[in-house]
Structures are given as structure tokens and as C-alpha cells.
């Protein structure tokens, strides 16, 4: 017997289908070379962090007069250094999976973007809300022939999505398509 009384159940005639029949969207991932760009960028950042950590450790050992802190503070700093190293190792080991989790999907009425491995995020923006689009690229992205498309919307200050790992031609084509669809939606309003 069900734990809910018969009157509390939603009848099938309520318009809620058993199966929604929604087709799986086709997510377009970043270009395959974007993984190398992220590895290079994150490796540089990790090297800088490790150099700062090494300088602290060497400063405590060989120049105690320059860094006059108690032994307990030194141990706390060592614990923080170990935590940062463990986090960095996890970050580098999951980089490929985090990059594969990125993607975008162009639908008839909206654009969707997704990211995140542990904490997943999917953002959908109707074309009528698109305000402007920026194509950006850093030095590593330019060397790989890649860029990212940042799309801002009308409304709140933090309302934007970023599509990573696009070839320049692909980014320009996507921007043109999105601008056309946005203009169509604005005319309909």
C-alpha cells in the first residue's frame, strides 16, 4: 500500500506525461587542444605557488632572523603548504575531466553552457536577452589558435556565460549566429 492517500496522488490525466520524450541535447565540447592550453596555464601558476612555498621553507630554515615566527606558526604554515600541494595535485589530475565537462549547446530558443565536475552548472540564456558578445584570448590561447566567447545578457550584473576553447573562425560564426537569432527575437517583441 502506498504511504500517500489515494486523493494525494497526482492523476495521470493532470497533463504530466510519464516520459517527457525530450531529446538529449548535443553538447559541443572545447577544441581538443584546449586541454594543453589549460595544462600549460595551470602549470605556470603551480610553479609560481611552489616557488613561493619553497622560499618560505628555505627562509625558515636558513634565515630565521628574517622571518621571526614561532615554531607553532611555522608548523601551521607547513600544514597550509601541504594542503595547497594536495589541492594542486587534485587540480592537475582532474584537469582533463574538468575540461571535458565544459560545453555549449545551441537550441532553437536559447543557448546553454555547462561547466563543473563536482559542482556542475548549466546556464541557459534566451536569445532575446543577449546584449553583447566579446571574443577574448590570452597569449596561450592565441598560440593554439583558440579563443573564448563571453556572452553578456540584459539584467543582473553577473549575467554572462563563457564558451571556452573555440577556434577563431568557429567563434566568429557562433557570434554571428547568436546575433542573428537575438535580432529575430527582438523583432518579435
N, C-alpha and C. Protein backbone atom coordinates (compact mmCIF):
# COMPACT_ATOMS: atom_id res chain seq x y z
N UNK A 1 0.84 -1.19 0.00
CA UNK A 1 0.00 0.00 0.00
C UNK A 1 0.88 1.24 0.00
N UNK A 2 0.48 2.26 -0.73
CA UNK A 2 1.23 3.50 -0.82
C UNK A 2 1.14 4.26 0.49
N UNK A 3 2.19 5.00 0.80
CA UNK A 3 2.18 5.79 2.03
C UNK A 3 1.36 7.06 1.88
N UNK A 4 0.97 7.43 0.66
CA UNK A 4 0.13 8.60 0.42
C UNK A 4 -1.30 8.14 0.17
N UNK A 5 -2.26 8.87 0.67
CA UNK A 5 -3.65 8.50 0.40
C UNK A 5 -3.96 8.68 -1.09
N UNK A 6 -4.94 7.96 -1.56
CA UNK A 6 -5.33 7.98 -2.97
C UNK A 6 -5.61 9.40 -3.45
N UNK A 7 -6.20 10.23 -2.60
CA UNK A 7 -6.56 11.58 -3.00
C UNK A 7 -5.34 12.48 -3.17
N UNK A 8 -4.18 12.10 -2.57
CA UNK A 8 -2.99 12.93 -2.65
C UNK A 8 -2.15 12.62 -3.88
N UNK A 9 -2.42 11.52 -4.54
CA UNK A 9 -1.65 11.18 -5.74
C UNK A 9 -2.06 12.06 -6.91
N UNK A 10 -1.12 12.31 -7.79
CA UNK A 10 -1.40 13.11 -8.98
C UNK A 10 -1.98 12.18 -10.03
N UNK A 11 -3.19 12.48 -10.52
CA UNK A 11 -3.79 11.62 -11.53
C UNK A 11 -3.05 11.75 -12.85
N UNK A 12 -3.04 10.69 -13.66
CA UNK A 12 -2.37 10.70 -14.95
C UNK A 12 -3.03 11.70 -15.90
N UNK A 13 -4.28 12.04 -15.65
CA UNK A 13 -4.97 12.99 -16.51
C UNK A 13 -4.59 14.43 -16.19
N UNK A 14 -3.64 14.65 -15.28
CA UNK A 14 -3.27 16.00 -14.88
C UNK A 14 -2.37 16.69 -15.90
N UNK A 15 -2.02 15.98 -16.97
CA UNK A 15 -1.21 16.60 -18.01
C UNK A 15 0.28 16.40 -17.82
N UNK A 16 0.70 15.64 -16.84
CA UNK A 16 2.11 15.37 -16.63
C UNK A 16 2.42 14.03 -17.27
N UNK A 17 3.19 14.03 -18.33
CA UNK A 17 3.45 12.77 -19.03
C UNK A 17 4.37 11.85 -18.24
N UNK A 18 4.22 10.56 -18.47
CA UNK A 18 5.10 9.58 -17.84
C UNK A 18 6.53 9.80 -18.29
N UNK A 19 6.71 9.97 -19.58
CA UNK A 19 8.02 10.22 -20.16
C UNK A 19 7.94 11.53 -20.91
N UNK A 20 8.90 12.40 -20.69
CA UNK A 20 8.85 13.71 -21.34
C UNK A 20 9.17 13.63 -22.82
N UNK A 21 9.90 12.60 -23.23
CA UNK A 21 10.24 12.46 -24.64
C UNK A 21 11.22 13.52 -25.12
N UNK A 22 11.85 14.24 -24.20
CA UNK A 22 12.80 15.27 -24.56
C UNK A 22 14.06 14.62 -25.10
N UNK A 23 14.50 15.07 -26.24
CA UNK A 23 15.72 14.52 -26.81
C UNK A 23 16.93 15.07 -26.07
N UNK A 24 17.94 14.24 -25.97
CA UNK A 24 19.19 14.67 -25.35
C UNK A 24 19.82 15.74 -26.22
N UNK A 25 20.24 16.83 -25.60
CA UNK A 25 20.87 17.91 -26.34
C UNK A 25 22.28 17.50 -26.75
N UNK A 26 22.74 18.04 -27.84
CA UNK A 26 24.08 17.76 -28.31
C UNK A 26 25.02 18.84 -27.80
N UNK A 27 25.85 18.48 -26.84
CA UNK A 27 26.80 19.42 -26.26
C UNK A 27 28.05 19.45 -27.12
N UNK A 28 28.52 20.64 -27.40
CA UNK A 28 29.73 20.82 -28.20
C UNK A 28 30.87 21.13 -27.23
N UNK A 29 31.87 20.25 -27.15
CA UNK A 29 32.96 20.44 -26.19
C UNK A 29 34.00 21.43 -26.75
N UNK A 30 34.92 21.88 -25.90
CA UNK A 30 36.02 22.72 -26.39
C UNK A 30 36.90 21.94 -27.36
N UNK A 31 37.66 22.65 -28.15
CA UNK A 31 38.59 22.02 -29.08
C UNK A 31 39.60 21.17 -28.28
N UNK A 32 40.06 20.10 -28.89
CA UNK A 32 40.93 19.15 -28.17
C UNK A 32 42.23 19.77 -27.69
N UNK A 33 42.73 20.81 -28.35
CA UNK A 33 43.98 21.44 -27.90
C UNK A 33 43.78 22.34 -26.69
N UNK A 34 42.53 22.58 -26.30
CA UNK A 34 42.29 23.43 -25.14
C UNK A 34 42.80 22.79 -23.85
N UNK A 35 42.87 21.47 -23.81
CA UNK A 35 43.42 20.78 -22.64
C UNK A 35 44.88 21.17 -22.45
N UNK A 36 45.64 21.21 -23.54
CA UNK A 36 47.06 21.59 -23.45
C UNK A 36 47.21 23.04 -22.99
N UNK A 37 46.32 23.91 -23.46
CA UNK A 37 46.35 25.31 -23.03
C UNK A 37 46.12 25.40 -21.52
N UNK A 38 45.14 24.67 -21.03
CA UNK A 38 44.85 24.70 -19.59
C UNK A 38 45.99 24.08 -18.77
N UNK A 39 46.57 22.98 -19.27
CA UNK A 39 47.71 22.37 -18.57
C UNK A 39 48.86 23.36 -18.46
N UNK A 40 49.17 24.03 -19.55
CA UNK A 40 50.27 24.99 -19.55
C UNK A 40 49.99 26.15 -18.59
N UNK A 41 48.80 26.72 -18.69
CA UNK A 41 48.43 27.84 -17.82
C UNK A 41 48.47 27.45 -16.35
N UNK A 42 47.86 26.31 -16.03
CA UNK A 42 47.80 25.88 -14.64
C UNK A 42 49.17 25.44 -14.13
N UNK A 43 50.02 24.91 -15.01
CA UNK A 43 51.37 24.52 -14.60
C UNK A 43 52.19 25.74 -14.23
N UNK A 44 52.07 26.82 -15.04
CA UNK A 44 52.77 28.06 -14.70
C UNK A 44 52.33 28.58 -13.33
N UNK A 45 51.04 28.59 -13.09
CA UNK A 45 50.53 29.06 -11.81
C UNK A 45 51.02 28.17 -10.67
N UNK A 46 51.04 26.87 -10.89
CA UNK A 46 51.51 25.93 -9.87
C UNK A 46 53.00 26.12 -9.59
N UNK A 47 53.79 26.38 -10.61
CA UNK A 47 55.23 26.62 -10.42
C UNK A 47 55.45 27.86 -9.57
N UNK A 48 54.70 28.91 -9.83
CA UNK A 48 54.84 30.14 -9.04
C UNK A 48 54.48 29.88 -7.58
N UNK A 49 53.39 29.16 -7.34
CA UNK A 49 53.00 28.83 -5.97
C UNK A 49 54.06 27.99 -5.29
N UNK A 50 54.62 27.03 -6.01
CA UNK A 50 55.65 26.16 -5.42
C UNK A 50 56.93 26.94 -5.13
N UNK A 51 57.28 27.92 -5.97
CA UNK A 51 58.46 28.74 -5.70
C UNK A 51 58.27 29.58 -4.44
N UNK A 52 57.07 30.13 -4.26
CA UNK A 52 56.78 30.90 -3.04
C UNK A 52 56.86 29.99 -1.82
N UNK A 53 56.32 28.79 -1.93
CA UNK A 53 56.37 27.84 -0.82
C UNK A 53 57.81 27.45 -0.51
N UNK A 54 58.59 27.19 -1.54
CA UNK A 54 60.00 26.83 -1.32
C UNK A 54 60.76 27.98 -0.67
N UNK A 55 60.47 29.21 -1.09
CA UNK A 55 61.13 30.37 -0.48
C UNK A 55 60.77 30.48 1.00
N UNK A 56 59.53 30.21 1.35
CA UNK A 56 59.14 30.24 2.77
C UNK A 56 59.88 29.17 3.58
N UNK A 57 59.91 27.96 3.03
CA UNK A 57 60.57 26.86 3.75
C UNK A 57 62.06 27.15 3.92
N UNK A 58 62.71 27.61 2.85
CA UNK A 58 64.14 27.92 2.93
C UNK A 58 64.39 29.11 3.85
N UNK A 59 63.48 30.07 3.84
CA UNK A 59 63.61 31.22 4.74
C UNK A 59 63.54 30.80 6.19
N UNK A 60 62.63 29.88 6.52
CA UNK A 60 62.53 29.40 7.90
C UNK A 60 63.79 28.64 8.30
N UNK A 61 64.35 27.89 7.36
CA UNK A 61 65.48 27.02 7.69
C UNK A 61 66.79 27.79 7.76
N UNK A 62 67.06 28.62 6.75
CA UNK A 62 68.37 29.26 6.66
C UNK A 62 68.42 30.72 7.10
N UNK A 63 67.30 31.38 7.15
CA UNK A 63 67.27 32.79 7.56
C UNK A 63 66.20 33.03 8.62
N UNK A 64 66.34 32.40 9.77
CA UNK A 64 65.31 32.56 10.79
C UNK A 64 65.18 33.99 11.32
N UNK A 65 66.24 34.78 11.20
CA UNK A 65 66.17 36.16 11.69
C UNK A 65 65.32 37.03 10.75
N UNK A 66 65.25 36.67 9.47
CA UNK A 66 64.44 37.45 8.53
C UNK A 66 62.94 37.16 8.68
N UNK A 67 62.62 35.93 9.10
CA UNK A 67 61.23 35.53 9.30
C UNK A 67 61.02 35.12 10.75
N UNK A 68 60.99 36.09 11.66
CA UNK A 68 60.89 35.75 13.09
C UNK A 68 59.46 35.33 13.48
N UNK A 69 59.19 34.03 13.37
CA UNK A 69 57.90 33.50 13.80
C UNK A 69 58.16 32.31 14.72
N UNK A 70 57.19 32.03 15.54
CA UNK A 70 57.35 30.91 16.47
C UNK A 70 57.29 29.58 15.71
N UNK A 71 57.71 28.54 16.40
CA UNK A 71 57.72 27.22 15.80
C UNK A 71 56.31 26.73 15.47
N UNK A 72 55.35 27.06 16.32
CA UNK A 72 53.97 26.63 16.06
C UNK A 72 53.41 27.31 14.82
N UNK A 73 53.77 28.56 14.58
CA UNK A 73 53.33 29.26 13.38
C UNK A 73 53.98 28.63 12.15
N UNK A 74 55.24 28.24 12.27
CA UNK A 74 55.92 27.57 11.16
C UNK A 74 55.21 26.26 10.81
N UNK A 75 54.82 25.49 11.83
CA UNK A 75 54.11 24.24 11.57
C UNK A 75 52.76 24.49 10.92
N UNK A 76 52.10 25.55 11.32
CA UNK A 76 50.83 25.90 10.69
C UNK A 76 51.03 26.26 9.22
N UNK A 77 52.11 26.98 8.95
CA UNK A 77 52.42 27.35 7.56
C UNK A 77 52.76 26.09 6.76
N UNK A 78 53.50 25.16 7.35
CA UNK A 78 53.80 23.89 6.67
C UNK A 78 52.52 23.12 6.37
N UNK A 79 51.58 23.14 7.28
CA UNK A 79 50.30 22.44 7.06
C UNK A 79 49.54 23.08 5.89
N UNK A 80 49.58 24.40 5.83
CA UNK A 80 48.92 25.10 4.72
C UNK A 80 49.62 24.76 3.40
N UNK A 81 50.95 24.70 3.42
CA UNK A 81 51.71 24.36 2.22
C UNK A 81 51.36 22.95 1.75
N UNK A 82 51.26 22.01 2.67
CA UNK A 82 50.90 20.64 2.30
C UNK A 82 49.47 20.59 1.73
N UNK A 83 48.56 21.33 2.35
CA UNK A 83 47.18 21.37 1.85
C UNK A 83 47.14 21.95 0.44
N UNK A 84 47.92 23.00 0.19
CA UNK A 84 47.95 23.60 -1.15
C UNK A 84 48.55 22.62 -2.16
N UNK A 85 49.59 21.89 -1.77
CA UNK A 85 50.18 20.90 -2.67
C UNK A 85 49.20 19.78 -2.99
N UNK A 86 48.46 19.31 -2.00
CA UNK A 86 47.47 18.26 -2.24
C UNK A 86 46.34 18.76 -3.15
N UNK A 87 45.88 19.97 -2.89
CA UNK A 87 44.84 20.56 -3.73
C UNK A 87 45.36 20.73 -5.15
N UNK A 88 46.60 21.18 -5.31
CA UNK A 88 47.19 21.37 -6.64
C UNK A 88 47.30 20.05 -7.39
N UNK A 89 47.68 18.99 -6.69
CA UNK A 89 47.76 17.67 -7.32
C UNK A 89 46.38 17.24 -7.80
N UNK A 90 45.36 17.41 -6.94
CA UNK A 90 43.99 17.06 -7.35
C UNK A 90 43.57 17.90 -8.55
N UNK A 91 43.90 19.19 -8.53
CA UNK A 91 43.53 20.10 -9.61
C UNK A 91 44.12 19.64 -10.94
N UNK A 92 45.39 19.27 -10.92
CA UNK A 92 46.06 18.85 -12.16
C UNK A 92 45.55 17.47 -12.62
N UNK A 93 45.25 16.59 -11.68
CA UNK A 93 44.78 15.26 -12.06
C UNK A 93 43.36 15.28 -12.65
N UNK A 94 42.57 16.24 -12.24
CA UNK A 94 41.19 16.32 -12.74
C UNK A 94 41.03 17.30 -13.89
N UNK A 95 42.12 17.88 -14.35
CA UNK A 95 42.04 18.92 -15.38
C UNK A 95 41.39 18.42 -16.67
N UNK A 96 41.74 17.24 -17.11
CA UNK A 96 41.16 16.72 -18.35
C UNK A 96 39.65 16.51 -18.19
N UNK A 97 39.24 15.93 -17.08
CA UNK A 97 37.81 15.70 -16.86
C UNK A 97 37.05 17.02 -16.71
N UNK A 98 37.66 18.01 -16.07
CA UNK A 98 37.00 19.31 -15.93
C UNK A 98 36.88 20.00 -17.28
N UNK A 99 37.88 19.79 -18.14
CA UNK A 99 37.81 20.39 -19.48
C UNK A 99 36.74 19.69 -20.31
N UNK A 100 36.63 18.39 -20.19
CA UNK A 100 35.58 17.66 -20.92
C UNK A 100 34.18 18.04 -20.44
N UNK A 101 34.08 18.50 -19.20
CA UNK A 101 32.77 18.90 -18.66
C UNK A 101 32.30 20.23 -19.23
N UNK A 102 33.21 20.99 -19.85
CA UNK A 102 32.83 22.25 -20.48
C UNK A 102 32.08 21.95 -21.77
N UNK A 103 31.18 22.84 -22.13
CA UNK A 103 30.49 22.67 -23.40
C UNK A 103 29.39 23.69 -23.57
N UNK A 104 28.88 23.73 -24.78
CA UNK A 104 27.74 24.61 -25.06
C UNK A 104 26.80 23.91 -26.02
N UNK A 105 25.58 24.40 -26.06
CA UNK A 105 24.54 23.79 -26.88
C UNK A 105 23.66 24.90 -27.44
N UNK A 106 23.51 24.93 -28.76
CA UNK A 106 22.67 25.93 -29.41
C UNK A 106 21.31 25.30 -29.66
N UNK A 107 20.30 25.84 -29.02
CA UNK A 107 18.92 25.36 -29.16
C UNK A 107 18.13 26.37 -29.99
N UNK A 108 16.94 26.01 -30.44
CA UNK A 108 16.14 26.95 -31.24
C UNK A 108 15.81 28.25 -30.52
N UNK A 109 15.58 28.21 -29.21
CA UNK A 109 15.16 29.40 -28.48
C UNK A 109 16.18 29.93 -27.48
N UNK A 110 17.22 29.19 -27.20
CA UNK A 110 18.18 29.62 -26.19
C UNK A 110 19.54 28.96 -26.41
N UNK A 111 20.53 29.53 -25.73
CA UNK A 111 21.89 29.00 -25.73
C UNK A 111 22.18 28.48 -24.33
N UNK A 112 22.77 27.29 -24.26
CA UNK A 112 23.12 26.71 -22.97
C UNK A 112 24.62 26.53 -22.88
N UNK A 113 25.13 26.68 -21.68
CA UNK A 113 26.54 26.47 -21.40
C UNK A 113 26.64 25.64 -20.13
N UNK A 114 27.63 24.75 -20.07
CA UNK A 114 27.80 23.95 -18.87
C UNK A 114 29.27 23.92 -18.47
N UNK A 115 29.49 23.70 -17.18
CA UNK A 115 30.83 23.55 -16.65
C UNK A 115 30.73 22.89 -15.29
N UNK A 116 31.87 22.44 -14.80
CA UNK A 116 31.92 21.88 -13.46
C UNK A 116 32.03 20.37 -13.45
N UNK A 117 32.82 19.89 -12.51
CA UNK A 117 32.99 18.45 -12.34
C UNK A 117 32.26 18.00 -11.08
N UNK A 118 32.65 18.55 -9.95
CA UNK A 118 31.94 18.24 -8.70
C UNK A 118 30.69 19.09 -8.55
N UNK A 119 30.86 20.38 -8.76
CA UNK A 119 29.74 21.31 -8.67
C UNK A 119 29.39 21.73 -10.09
N UNK A 120 28.42 21.07 -10.65
CA UNK A 120 28.05 21.31 -12.04
C UNK A 120 27.14 22.53 -12.15
N UNK A 121 27.31 23.22 -13.25
CA UNK A 121 26.50 24.39 -13.50
C UNK A 121 26.09 24.39 -14.97
N UNK A 122 24.83 24.59 -15.21
CA UNK A 122 24.32 24.73 -16.58
C UNK A 122 23.50 26.00 -16.62
N UNK A 123 23.85 26.88 -17.56
CA UNK A 123 23.17 28.16 -17.70
C UNK A 123 22.56 28.22 -19.08
N UNK A 124 21.30 28.60 -19.15
CA UNK A 124 20.61 28.78 -20.44
C UNK A 124 20.16 30.22 -20.55
N UNK A 125 20.41 30.80 -21.71
CA UNK A 125 20.06 32.19 -21.94
C UNK A 125 19.18 32.28 -23.19
N UNK A 126 17.98 32.83 -23.05
CA UNK A 126 17.15 33.04 -24.25
C UNK A 126 17.80 34.09 -25.16
N UNK A 127 17.66 33.89 -26.46
CA UNK A 127 18.32 34.79 -27.40
C UNK A 127 17.86 36.24 -27.27
N UNK A 128 16.64 36.45 -26.86
CA UNK A 128 16.13 37.80 -26.71
C UNK A 128 16.81 38.59 -25.61
N UNK A 129 17.55 37.92 -24.72
CA UNK A 129 18.23 38.59 -23.60
C UNK A 129 19.69 38.91 -23.90
N UNK A 130 20.21 38.47 -25.04
CA UNK A 130 21.61 38.71 -25.36
C UNK A 130 21.85 40.19 -25.60
N UNK A 131 22.90 40.71 -24.97
CA UNK A 131 23.24 42.13 -25.13
C UNK A 131 24.45 42.30 -26.02
N UNK A 132 25.58 41.74 -25.62
CA UNK A 132 26.77 41.82 -26.46
C UNK A 132 27.68 40.64 -26.19
N UNK A 133 28.59 40.42 -27.14
CA UNK A 133 29.48 39.26 -27.09
C UNK A 133 30.91 39.71 -27.33
N UNK A 134 31.80 39.21 -26.52
CA UNK A 134 33.23 39.50 -26.66
C UNK A 134 33.97 38.23 -27.03
N UNK A 135 34.88 38.35 -27.98
CA UNK A 135 35.79 37.25 -28.27
C UNK A 135 37.11 37.62 -27.62
N UNK A 136 37.56 36.78 -26.70
CA UNK A 136 38.77 37.06 -25.94
C UNK A 136 39.75 35.91 -26.10
N UNK A 137 41.04 36.23 -25.98
CA UNK A 137 42.05 35.17 -25.98
C UNK A 137 43.30 35.69 -25.31
N UNK A 138 43.89 34.84 -24.49
CA UNK A 138 45.16 35.15 -23.87
C UNK A 138 46.29 34.68 -24.77
N UNK A 139 47.54 34.90 -24.35
CA UNK A 139 48.67 34.51 -25.20
C UNK A 139 48.73 33.01 -25.48
N UNK A 140 48.43 32.19 -24.50
CA UNK A 140 48.47 30.74 -24.73
C UNK A 140 47.36 30.30 -25.66
N UNK A 141 46.18 30.89 -25.50
CA UNK A 141 45.07 30.56 -26.39
C UNK A 141 45.38 30.99 -27.82
N UNK A 142 45.95 32.19 -27.99
CA UNK A 142 46.28 32.66 -29.33
C UNK A 142 47.32 31.76 -29.99
N UNK A 143 48.30 31.32 -29.22
CA UNK A 143 49.33 30.43 -29.77
C UNK A 143 48.71 29.13 -30.28
N UNK A 144 47.67 28.64 -29.59
CA UNK A 144 46.98 27.41 -30.00
C UNK A 144 45.88 27.68 -31.03
N UNK A 145 45.68 28.95 -31.38
CA UNK A 145 44.62 29.28 -32.35
C UNK A 145 43.23 29.22 -31.76
N UNK A 146 43.13 29.42 -30.44
CA UNK A 146 41.85 29.31 -29.75
C UNK A 146 41.45 30.64 -29.13
N UNK A 147 40.20 30.73 -28.77
CA UNK A 147 39.68 31.90 -28.07
C UNK A 147 38.48 31.46 -27.24
N UNK A 148 37.90 32.41 -26.54
CA UNK A 148 36.68 32.14 -25.77
C UNK A 148 35.68 33.24 -26.10
N UNK A 149 34.42 32.87 -26.10
CA UNK A 149 33.34 33.79 -26.41
C UNK A 149 32.60 34.08 -25.12
N UNK A 150 32.62 35.35 -24.69
CA UNK A 150 31.91 35.74 -23.48
C UNK A 150 30.64 36.47 -23.90
N UNK A 151 29.52 35.96 -23.43
CA UNK A 151 28.21 36.47 -23.83
C UNK A 151 27.55 37.09 -22.61
N UNK A 152 27.21 38.36 -22.72
CA UNK A 152 26.57 39.08 -21.62
C UNK A 152 25.10 39.30 -21.96
N UNK A 153 24.30 39.34 -20.91
CA UNK A 153 22.86 39.49 -21.10
C UNK A 153 22.35 40.74 -20.41
N UNK A 154 21.14 41.09 -20.75
CA UNK A 154 20.46 42.18 -20.06
C UNK A 154 20.06 41.68 -18.68
N UNK A 155 20.11 42.54 -17.73
CA UNK A 155 19.68 42.14 -16.38
C UNK A 155 20.76 42.35 -15.35
N UNK A 156 20.90 41.37 -14.49
CA UNK A 156 21.81 41.48 -13.36
C UNK A 156 23.26 41.61 -13.81
N UNK A 157 24.11 42.10 -12.91
CA UNK A 157 25.50 42.40 -13.25
C UNK A 157 26.30 41.17 -13.64
N UNK A 158 26.08 40.06 -13.00
CA UNK A 158 26.86 38.85 -13.25
C UNK A 158 26.15 37.90 -14.21
N UNK A 159 25.42 38.43 -15.16
CA UNK A 159 24.68 37.56 -16.07
C UNK A 159 25.45 37.42 -17.39
N UNK A 160 26.35 36.45 -17.39
CA UNK A 160 27.08 36.15 -18.61
C UNK A 160 27.49 34.69 -18.59
N UNK A 161 27.78 34.18 -19.77
CA UNK A 161 28.34 32.85 -19.87
C UNK A 161 29.57 32.94 -20.76
N UNK A 162 30.47 32.01 -20.58
CA UNK A 162 31.69 31.97 -21.37
C UNK A 162 31.79 30.60 -22.02
N UNK A 163 32.06 30.61 -23.31
CA UNK A 163 32.26 29.38 -24.06
C UNK A 163 33.75 29.29 -24.36
N UNK A 164 34.38 28.25 -23.85
CA UNK A 164 35.83 28.11 -23.92
C UNK A 164 36.28 27.21 -25.07
N UNK A 165 37.52 27.42 -25.50
CA UNK A 165 38.17 26.51 -26.43
C UNK A 165 37.62 26.52 -27.84
N UNK A 166 37.25 27.69 -28.34
CA UNK A 166 36.74 27.81 -29.70
C UNK A 166 37.87 28.21 -30.64
N UNK A 167 37.85 27.68 -31.85
CA UNK A 167 38.72 28.20 -32.91
C UNK A 167 38.19 29.58 -33.27
N UNK A 168 39.06 30.47 -33.75
CA UNK A 168 38.64 31.83 -34.06
C UNK A 168 37.48 31.85 -35.07
N UNK A 169 37.59 31.06 -36.12
CA UNK A 169 36.53 31.02 -37.14
C UNK A 169 35.22 30.53 -36.53
N UNK A 170 35.31 29.51 -35.69
CA UNK A 170 34.12 28.96 -35.03
C UNK A 170 33.48 30.01 -34.12
N UNK A 171 34.31 30.77 -33.41
CA UNK A 171 33.79 31.81 -32.51
C UNK A 171 33.08 32.91 -33.29
N UNK A 172 33.65 33.32 -34.42
CA UNK A 172 33.00 34.36 -35.24
C UNK A 172 31.69 33.85 -35.83
N UNK A 173 31.68 32.60 -36.28
CA UNK A 173 30.44 32.03 -36.82
C UNK A 173 29.37 31.92 -35.74
N UNK A 174 29.76 31.48 -34.55
CA UNK A 174 28.81 31.36 -33.45
C UNK A 174 28.28 32.73 -33.05
N UNK A 175 29.17 33.72 -32.97
CA UNK A 175 28.74 35.07 -32.61
C UNK A 175 27.75 35.60 -33.65
N UNK A 176 28.03 35.38 -34.93
CA UNK A 176 27.13 35.84 -35.99
C UNK A 176 25.77 35.15 -35.88
N UNK A 177 25.78 33.85 -35.65
CA UNK A 177 24.52 33.11 -35.49
C UNK A 177 23.73 33.63 -34.30
N UNK A 178 24.40 33.84 -33.17
CA UNK A 178 23.71 34.32 -31.97
C UNK A 178 23.17 35.73 -32.17
N UNK A 179 23.93 36.58 -32.86
CA UNK A 179 23.44 37.94 -33.13
C UNK A 179 22.21 37.92 -34.02
N UNK A 180 22.22 37.04 -35.03
CA UNK A 180 21.04 36.92 -35.91
C UNK A 180 19.82 36.47 -35.13
N UNK A 181 20.01 35.46 -34.29
CA UNK A 181 18.87 34.95 -33.52
C UNK A 181 18.40 35.98 -32.50
N UNK A 182 19.32 36.74 -31.93
CA UNK A 182 18.93 37.78 -30.98
C UNK A 182 18.13 38.88 -31.68
N UNK A 183 18.56 39.26 -32.89
CA UNK A 183 17.82 40.28 -33.64
C UNK A 183 16.42 39.78 -34.00
N UNK A 184 16.31 38.49 -34.39
CA UNK A 184 15.00 37.93 -34.69
C UNK A 184 14.08 37.99 -33.49
N UNK A 185 14.60 37.67 -32.32
CA UNK A 185 13.79 37.69 -31.11
C UNK A 185 13.39 39.11 -30.72
N UNK A 186 14.29 40.07 -30.94
CA UNK A 186 13.97 41.45 -30.62
C UNK A 186 12.87 41.99 -31.55
N UNK A 187 12.90 41.57 -32.82
CA UNK A 187 11.86 42.00 -33.77
C UNK A 187 10.51 41.42 -33.35
N UNK A 188 10.52 40.17 -32.86
CA UNK A 188 9.29 39.53 -32.43
C UNK A 188 8.67 40.23 -31.23
N UNK A 189 9.50 40.87 -30.41
CA UNK A 189 8.98 41.57 -29.23
C UNK A 189 8.34 42.86 -29.68
